[in-house]
Protein backbone atom coordinates (compact mmCIF):
# COMPACT_ATOMS: atom_id res chain seq x y z
CA MET A 1 0.00 0.00 0.00
CA THR A 2 2.86 2.39 0.79
CA ALA A 3 4.41 1.91 -2.64
CA LEU A 4 1.08 2.24 -4.43
CA PHE A 5 0.08 5.47 -2.72
CA ALA A 6 3.58 6.96 -2.96
CA LEU A 7 3.76 6.29 -6.70
CA ALA A 8 0.28 7.79 -7.06
CA THR A 9 1.66 10.88 -5.28
CA SER A 10 4.45 11.19 -7.83
CA LEU A 11 2.00 10.86 -10.72
CA LEU A 12 -0.38 13.48 -9.29
CA TRP A 13 2.31 15.98 -8.35
CA GLY A 14 4.07 15.57 -11.68
CA LEU A 15 0.91 16.20 -13.68
CA ALA A 16 -0.14 19.09 -11.42
CA ASP A 17 3.26 20.73 -11.89
CA PHE A 18 3.06 20.34 -15.65
CA GLY A 19 -0.48 21.72 -15.79
CA GLY A 20 0.37 24.64 -13.52
CA GLY A 21 3.41 25.52 -15.60
CA LEU A 22 1.35 25.58 -18.79
CA LEU A 23 -1.41 27.68 -17.22
CA THR A 24 1.01 30.36 -15.97
CA ARG A 25 2.13 30.95 -19.54
CA ARG A 26 -1.37 32.32 -20.27
CA ILE A 27 -2.72 33.39 -16.86
CA PRO A 28 -0.95 35.32 -14.05
CA ALA A 29 0.58 32.91 -11.57
CA LEU A 30 -1.26 34.33 -8.54
CA THR A 31 -4.57 33.92 -10.32
CA VAL A 32 -3.71 30.30 -11.11
CA VAL A 33 -2.90 29.66 -7.44
CA VAL A 34 -6.05 31.31 -6.09
CA ALA A 35 -8.42 29.84 -8.69
CA SER A 36 -7.07 26.29 -8.47
CA GLN A 37 -7.04 26.30 -4.66
CA THR A 38 -10.57 27.72 -4.52
CA VAL A 39 -11.82 24.68 -6.39
CA ALA A 40 -9.93 22.49 -3.92
CA VAL A 41 -11.56 24.30 -0.97
CA LEU A 42 -15.05 23.65 -2.34
CA VAL A 43 -14.38 19.95 -2.90
CA LEU A 44 -12.62 19.44 0.43
CA GLY A 45 -15.37 21.32 2.26
CA ALA A 46 -17.93 18.87 0.87
CA ILE A 47 -15.74 15.92 1.91
CA VAL A 48 -15.29 17.26 5.45
CA VAL A 49 -19.05 17.67 5.84
CA ALA A 50 -19.74 14.21 4.41
CA THR A 51 -17.17 12.45 6.63
CA GLY A 52 -17.76 14.46 9.81
CA GLY A 53 -14.19 15.67 9.73
CA TRP A 54 -15.00 18.82 11.72
CA THR A 55 -15.03 16.66 14.87
CA GLU A 56 -11.22 16.42 14.58
CA TRP A 57 -10.86 20.16 15.27
CA GLY A 58 -8.01 20.89 17.69
CA PRO A 59 -4.80 22.88 18.30
CA GLN A 60 -2.86 20.64 15.88
CA LEU A 61 -4.60 22.45 13.03
CA TRP A 62 -2.29 25.42 13.58
CA PHE A 63 0.25 23.33 11.69
CA ALA A 64 -2.21 23.27 8.78
CA VAL A 65 -2.58 27.06 8.98
CA ALA A 66 1.21 27.45 8.87
CA ALA A 67 1.37 25.10 5.90
CA GLY A 68 -1.33 27.18 4.23
CA LEU A 69 0.73 30.33 4.62
CA VAL A 70 3.94 28.79 3.29
CA GLY A 71 2.24 26.94 0.43
CA PRO A 72 1.16 29.91 -1.75
CA VAL A 73 4.65 31.42 -1.62
CA ALA A 74 6.22 28.13 -2.69
CA MET A 75 3.60 27.45 -5.34
CA LEU A 76 3.83 30.93 -6.82
CA ALA A 77 7.62 30.73 -7.00
CA PHE A 78 7.43 27.29 -8.61
CA TYR A 79 4.83 28.26 -11.20
CA LYS A 80 6.86 31.31 -12.16
CA ALA A 81 9.95 29.12 -12.50
CA LEU A 82 8.05 26.62 -14.65
CA ALA A 83 6.84 29.47 -16.87
CA LEU A 84 10.47 30.50 -17.40
CA GLY A 85 11.40 26.84 -18.02
CA PRO A 86 12.60 24.49 -19.19
CA MET A 87 10.33 22.21 -17.17
CA GLY A 88 12.74 19.30 -17.43
CA VAL A 89 15.28 21.26 -15.35
CA VAL A 90 12.96 23.19 -13.04
CA SER A 91 10.90 20.25 -11.84
CA PRO A 92 13.80 18.01 -10.67
CA LEU A 93 15.34 20.93 -8.77
CA GLY A 94 11.96 21.48 -7.11
CA SER A 95 12.20 18.03 -5.56
CA LEU A 96 15.13 19.14 -3.39
CA GLY A 97 12.61 20.22 -0.75
CA VAL A 98 13.21 16.80 0.83
CA ALA A 99 16.25 18.47 2.45
CA VAL A 100 13.84 20.19 4.87
CA PRO A 101 12.96 17.00 6.79
CA VAL A 102 16.68 16.22 6.92
CA GLY A 103 17.35 19.65 8.45
CA VAL A 104 14.57 19.14 10.99
CA GLY A 105 16.17 15.83 11.94
CA LEU A 106 19.54 17.54 12.47
CA LEU A 107 17.97 20.10 14.78
CA LEU A 108 16.41 17.27 16.77
CA GLY A 109 19.80 15.61 17.23
CA GLU A 110 19.76 13.11 14.39
CA ARG A 111 22.90 12.63 12.30
CA PRO A 112 22.68 11.73 8.60
CA GLY A 113 24.40 8.65 7.29
CA LEU A 114 26.91 8.42 4.49
CA ALA A 115 24.19 8.10 1.85
CA GLN A 116 22.57 11.35 2.98
CA PHE A 117 25.85 13.27 2.91
CA ALA A 118 26.43 11.87 -0.55
CA GLY A 119 22.94 13.01 -1.53
CA ILE A 120 23.69 16.59 -0.47
CA THR A 121 26.86 16.62 -2.58
CA VAL A 122 25.22 15.07 -5.63
CA ALA A 123 22.24 17.44 -5.40
CA VAL A 124 24.47 20.54 -5.26
CA VAL A 125 26.44 19.34 -8.28
CA GLY A 126 23.17 18.71 -10.08
CA ILE A 127 22.00 22.27 -9.36
CA LEU A 128 25.23 23.72 -10.77
CA LEU A 129 25.06 21.61 -13.92
CA ALA A 130 21.35 22.19 -14.48
CA GLY A 131 21.58 25.98 -14.11
CA GLY A 132 25.16 26.60 -15.26
CA PRO A 133 24.67 27.00 -19.04
CA GLU A 134 21.99 29.66 -18.49
CA LEU A 135 23.74 31.42 -15.62
CA ARG A 136 26.52 32.57 -17.95
CA GLY A 137 24.32 34.19 -20.55
CA ALA A 138 20.69 34.61 -19.49
CA PRO A 139 19.70 36.26 -16.19
CA VAL A 140 16.14 34.96 -16.63
CA GLN A 141 17.35 31.41 -16.17
CA ARG A 142 19.24 32.37 -13.01
CA GLN A 143 15.91 33.70 -11.72
CA ALA A 144 14.26 30.40 -12.60
CA VAL A 145 16.83 28.45 -10.55
CA LEU A 146 16.49 30.74 -7.52
CA LEU A 147 12.68 30.62 -7.66
CA THR A 148 12.79 26.84 -7.90
CA LEU A 149 15.01 26.52 -4.83
CA LEU A 150 12.71 28.85 -2.88
CA ALA A 151 9.75 26.73 -3.93
CA ALA A 152 11.54 23.50 -3.06
CA PHE A 153 12.22 24.46 0.52
CA GLY A 154 8.71 25.84 0.82
CA PHE A 155 7.26 22.53 -0.36
CA GLY A 156 9.47 20.67 2.10
CA GLY A 157 8.22 22.89 4.89
CA VAL A 158 4.60 22.26 3.90
CA MET A 159 5.15 18.49 3.97
CA ALA A 160 6.71 18.67 7.43
CA LEU A 161 3.91 20.89 8.77
CA ILE A 162 0.94 19.03 7.29
CA ALA A 163 2.32 15.76 8.68
CA GLU A 164 1.87 17.18 12.19
CA ALA A 165 -1.67 18.42 11.55
CA SER A 166 -3.53 15.09 11.60
CA SER A 167 -3.31 11.52 12.83
CA ASN A 168 -6.18 9.82 10.97
CA LEU A 169 -8.03 9.99 7.66
CA THR A 170 -10.91 12.28 8.68
CA GLY A 171 -8.43 14.53 10.48
CA LEU A 172 -6.39 14.63 7.28
CA PHE A 173 -9.39 15.86 5.30
CA LEU A 174 -9.97 18.64 7.84
CA ALA A 175 -6.27 19.56 7.91
CA LEU A 176 -6.14 19.76 4.12
CA PHE A 177 -9.31 21.87 4.12
CA VAL A 178 -7.87 24.33 6.68
CA GLN A 179 -4.62 24.44 4.74
CA ARG A 180 -6.39 25.26 1.46
CA VAL A 181 -8.64 27.89 3.05
CA THR A 182 -5.49 29.58 4.33
CA ASN A 183 -3.94 29.17 0.86
CA VAL A 184 -6.85 31.04 -0.72
CA ALA A 185 -6.85 33.77 1.95
CA ALA A 186 -3.10 34.35 1.66
CA GLY A 187 -3.07 34.09 -2.12
CA GLY A 188 -6.12 36.31 -2.47
CA THR A 189 -4.52 38.98 -0.28
CA ALA A 190 -1.33 38.84 -2.33
CA LEU A 191 -3.36 39.09 -5.54
CA TYR A 192 -5.25 42.14 -4.22
CA VAL A 193 -1.99 43.86 -3.24
CA SER A 194 -0.49 43.02 -6.63
CA VAL A 195 -3.44 44.54 -8.48
CA ARG A 196 -3.31 47.69 -6.32
CA ARG A 197 0.34 48.05 -7.30
CA GLY A 198 -0.46 47.81 -10.99
CA GLY A 199 -0.21 44.07 -11.51
CA ARG A 200 -2.66 42.01 -13.55
CA ALA A 201 -5.19 39.57 -12.14
CA LEU A 202 -6.46 38.53 -15.58
CA PRO A 203 -4.58 37.58 -18.75
CA GLU A 204 -4.33 39.79 -21.77
CA VAL A 205 -7.54 40.15 -23.77
CA SER A 206 -8.05 37.27 -26.17
CA ARG A 207 -10.49 37.60 -29.04
CA ALA A 208 -10.99 33.84 -29.19
CA ALA A 209 -11.87 33.58 -25.49
CA GLY A 210 -13.84 36.83 -25.33
CA GLY A 211 -11.60 38.81 -22.98
CA GLY A 212 -9.36 38.27 -19.98
CA MET A 213 -12.03 36.67 -17.82
CA GLY A 214 -13.02 34.50 -20.75
CA VAL A 215 -9.52 33.01 -20.78
CA VAL A 216 -9.87 32.08 -17.10
CA TRP A 217 -13.30 30.52 -17.62
CA ALA A 218 -12.00 28.56 -20.59
CA ALA A 219 -9.15 27.27 -18.43
CA LEU A 220 -11.42 26.35 -15.49
CA PRO A 221 -11.25 22.56 -16.09
CA ALA A 222 -7.44 22.74 -16.16
CA LEU A 223 -7.40 24.94 -13.05
CA ALA A 224 -9.65 22.47 -11.26
CA PHE A 225 -7.40 19.58 -12.25
CA VAL A 226 -4.28 21.33 -10.95
CA GLY A 227 -5.89 22.21 -7.62
CA LEU A 228 -7.44 18.80 -7.03
CA ALA A 229 -4.36 16.88 -8.17
CA ASP A 230 -2.20 18.85 -5.74
CA VAL A 231 -4.61 18.17 -2.86
CA ALA A 232 -4.90 14.50 -3.77
CA ALA A 233 -1.10 14.21 -3.86
CA ASN A 234 -0.85 15.59 -0.33
CA GLY A 235 -3.46 13.09 0.76
CA THR A 236 -1.88 10.05 -0.90
CA TYR A 237 1.51 10.96 0.50
CA SER A 238 0.12 11.15 4.03
CA VAL A 239 -1.59 7.78 3.60
CA ALA A 240 1.63 6.27 2.24
CA ALA A 241 3.68 7.60 5.16
CA GLN A 242 1.13 6.39 7.72
CA ASN A 243 1.01 2.86 6.31
CA GLY A 244 4.69 2.11 5.92
CA PRO A 245 8.25 3.41 6.30
CA VAL A 246 8.42 7.15 5.72
CA THR A 247 11.72 6.70 3.89
CA VAL A 248 10.11 4.42 1.31
CA ALA A 249 7.17 6.79 0.89
CA ALA A 250 9.49 9.79 0.53
CA VAL A 251 11.72 8.13 -2.07
CA LEU A 252 8.88 6.91 -4.25
CA SER A 253 7.02 10.22 -3.91
CA SER A 254 10.12 12.12 -5.02
CA VAL A 255 10.14 10.78 -8.57
CA TYR A 256 7.38 13.18 -9.67
CA PRO A 257 9.85 15.36 -11.66
CA VAL A 258 10.24 12.44 -14.04
CA VAL A 259 6.50 12.62 -14.73
CA THR A 260 6.71 16.36 -15.40
CA ALA A 261 9.74 15.95 -17.66
CA LEU A 262 8.08 13.15 -19.64
CA ALA A 263 4.91 15.22 -20.02
CA ALA A 264 6.96 18.20 -21.24
CA ARG A 265 8.76 16.00 -23.74
CA ALA A 266 5.56 14.38 -25.00
CA VAL A 267 3.38 17.51 -25.19
CA LEU A 268 5.84 20.36 -25.73
CA LYS A 269 8.53 18.38 -27.56
CA GLU A 270 10.99 19.97 -25.14
CA ARG A 271 14.65 19.11 -25.64
CA LEU A 272 17.37 19.60 -23.03
CA ARG A 273 21.08 20.17 -23.50
CA GLY A 274 23.21 17.26 -22.43
CA VAL A 275 24.65 19.07 -19.43
CA GLN A 276 21.19 20.19 -18.33
CA ALA A 277 19.79 16.69 -18.58
CA ALA A 278 22.75 15.36 -16.61
CA GLY A 279 22.28 18.03 -13.95
CA ALA A 280 18.57 17.33 -13.65
CA GLY A 281 19.31 13.63 -13.30
CA LEU A 282 21.91 14.22 -10.62
CA ALA A 283 19.50 16.44 -8.71
CA LEU A 284 16.95 13.67 -8.74
CA VAL A 285 19.56 11.10 -7.64
CA GLY A 286 20.57 13.42 -4.83
CA THR A 287 16.97 13.69 -3.73
CA VAL A 288 16.67 9.90 -3.55
CA LEU A 289 19.90 9.65 -1.54
CA LEU A 290 18.71 12.38 0.85
CA ALA A 291 15.49 10.51 1.49
CA SER A 292 17.17 7.12 1.85
């Protein structure tokens, strides 16, 4: 069961990342975050009511609130990085968030083994190789790497926080609901501030879609998929970790960048330079070693 749910997590996260990256090429990233998470709130709210999840209310839900505040920042940074691309480099670097649980373990007195130290080294080398060719000649790509690393550690923080917010399935539904409500509140506030400062909440006017709002409505099914896939991935990961070794669940859940890269290759016909592909691969290997 652990392997099944962990692999399902990788599939869901990989497809959600790919879909989110595509959407941010047409719709402002903050709007993608708020719209997709709003759909998730509505669905999770119905599930909480149906399962009686509100009975699990307690102080542990503050962890879900904290995860909800960190999540929009990480998601926005990641979507912006995916929009800058290429996805085959950005997504593997995003998986380095697994270093957060390792750091928490160090603070609690744990000491990593040889494989984990090797993972840190391999991951750093992978980052340099994956971002190096662009760092010399294109500042935009340097921005993509920095945004991805910010997102990675944000995602790692969310995983650590949400794991403390529930201890059973109905409690998990409530924790995810609280997290997503906080996501929408934080993201909505950021969107409002952005618009007041001259930013855009809607995409450029499109004749085919009938205006900026028409583009958003046309993309609603994709927005719903991204939001629900992300929520489902959090849920399947929690189930995987609760039903078996966390290390196994973490390793198998960390292969989602492969899904994103394969989707980018199949749909966008994206090609990577040899050094970039090698760097992305090393980053993924480093992630596996860190979680081992």
